[in-house]
Amino acid sequence: LRLALAQVNSLVGGFKANAESVKSICTQARKMGADIVLFPELMLTGYPPEDLLFKKSFIEDCR
């Protein structure tokens, strides 16, 4: 079992850009023989989301 660790600077609120980064990194890791890729917490939403958690549109986008 081969693991890949992704060290990424995600964009707060940048769902599409963050998802594209995940896809790209997964593709690259797979080419290098990884079976599992580990990402930082809140990779898709960005960290820390802070006040965005109070916006209904942000919560809906998270779903």
Protein backbone atom coordinates (compact mmCIF):
# COMPACT_ATOMS: atom_id res chain seq x y z
CA LEU A 1 0.00 0.00 0.00
CA ARG A 2 1.54 3.31 -1.09
CA LEU A 3 0.45 6.61 0.42
CA ALA A 4 0.93 10.12 -0.95
CA LEU A 5 0.81 13.15 1.34
CA ALA A 6 -0.41 16.35 -0.30
CA GLN A 7 0.89 19.60 1.14
CA VAL A 8 -1.43 22.19 -0.36
CA ASN A 9 -2.29 25.83 0.27
CA SER A 10 -6.04 25.79 -0.38
CA LEU A 11 -8.05 28.94 -1.05
CA VAL A 12 -10.68 29.89 1.54
CA GLY A 13 -14.06 29.65 -0.21
CA GLY A 14 -12.42 28.50 -3.46
CA PHE A 15 -14.33 25.25 -3.92
CA LYS A 16 -13.76 24.89 -7.66
CA ALA A 17 -10.06 25.77 -7.56
CA ASN A 18 -9.48 23.52 -4.55
CA ALA A 19 -11.33 20.63 -6.19
CA GLU A 20 -9.23 21.05 -9.33
CA SER A 21 -6.09 20.91 -7.19
CA VAL A 22 -7.31 17.70 -5.58
CA LYS A 23 -8.02 16.14 -8.97
CA SER A 24 -4.63 17.17 -10.34
CA ILE A 25 -2.72 15.94 -7.31
CA CYS A 26 -4.61 12.63 -7.31
CA THR A 27 -3.76 12.10 -10.98
CA GLN A 28 -0.09 12.88 -10.35
CA ALA A 29 0.04 10.66 -7.26
CA ARG A 30 -1.59 7.78 -9.12
CA LYS A 31 1.03 8.05 -11.87
CA MET A 32 3.66 7.76 -9.14
CA GLY A 33 2.06 4.58 -7.81
CA ALA A 34 0.06 5.92 -4.86
CA ASP A 35 -2.98 3.96 -3.71
CA ILE A 36 -4.22 6.61 -1.25
CA VAL A 37 -3.71 10.38 -1.20
CA LEU A 38 -3.98 12.26 2.10
CA PHE A 39 -5.01 15.93 2.08
CA PRO A 40 -5.11 18.56 4.85
CA GLU A 41 -8.31 19.11 6.80
CA LEU A 42 -10.85 21.42 5.14
CA MET A 43 -9.04 21.11 1.80
CA LEU A 44 -12.12 21.86 -0.27
CA THR A 45 -13.41 24.79 1.80
CA GLY A 46 -10.06 26.28 2.73
CA TYR A 47 -8.78 26.86 6.23
CA PRO A 48 -9.91 28.65 8.32
CA PRO A 49 -13.38 29.39 6.92
CA GLU A 50 -14.21 31.67 9.91
CA ASP A 51 -17.11 34.04 9.08
CA LEU A 52 -17.97 32.14 5.90
CA LEU A 53 -19.58 29.54 8.16
CA PHE A 54 -22.34 32.07 8.87
CA LYS A 55 -23.21 32.54 5.18
CA LYS A 56 -26.02 30.36 3.90
CA SER A 57 -24.53 30.24 0.39
CA PHE A 58 -21.21 28.93 1.74
CA ILE A 59 -22.95 26.15 3.67
CA GLU A 60 -25.00 25.21 0.60
CA ASP A 61 -21.85 25.08 -1.54
CA CYS A 62 -20.25 22.77 1.02
CA ARG A 63 -23.01 20.25 0.48
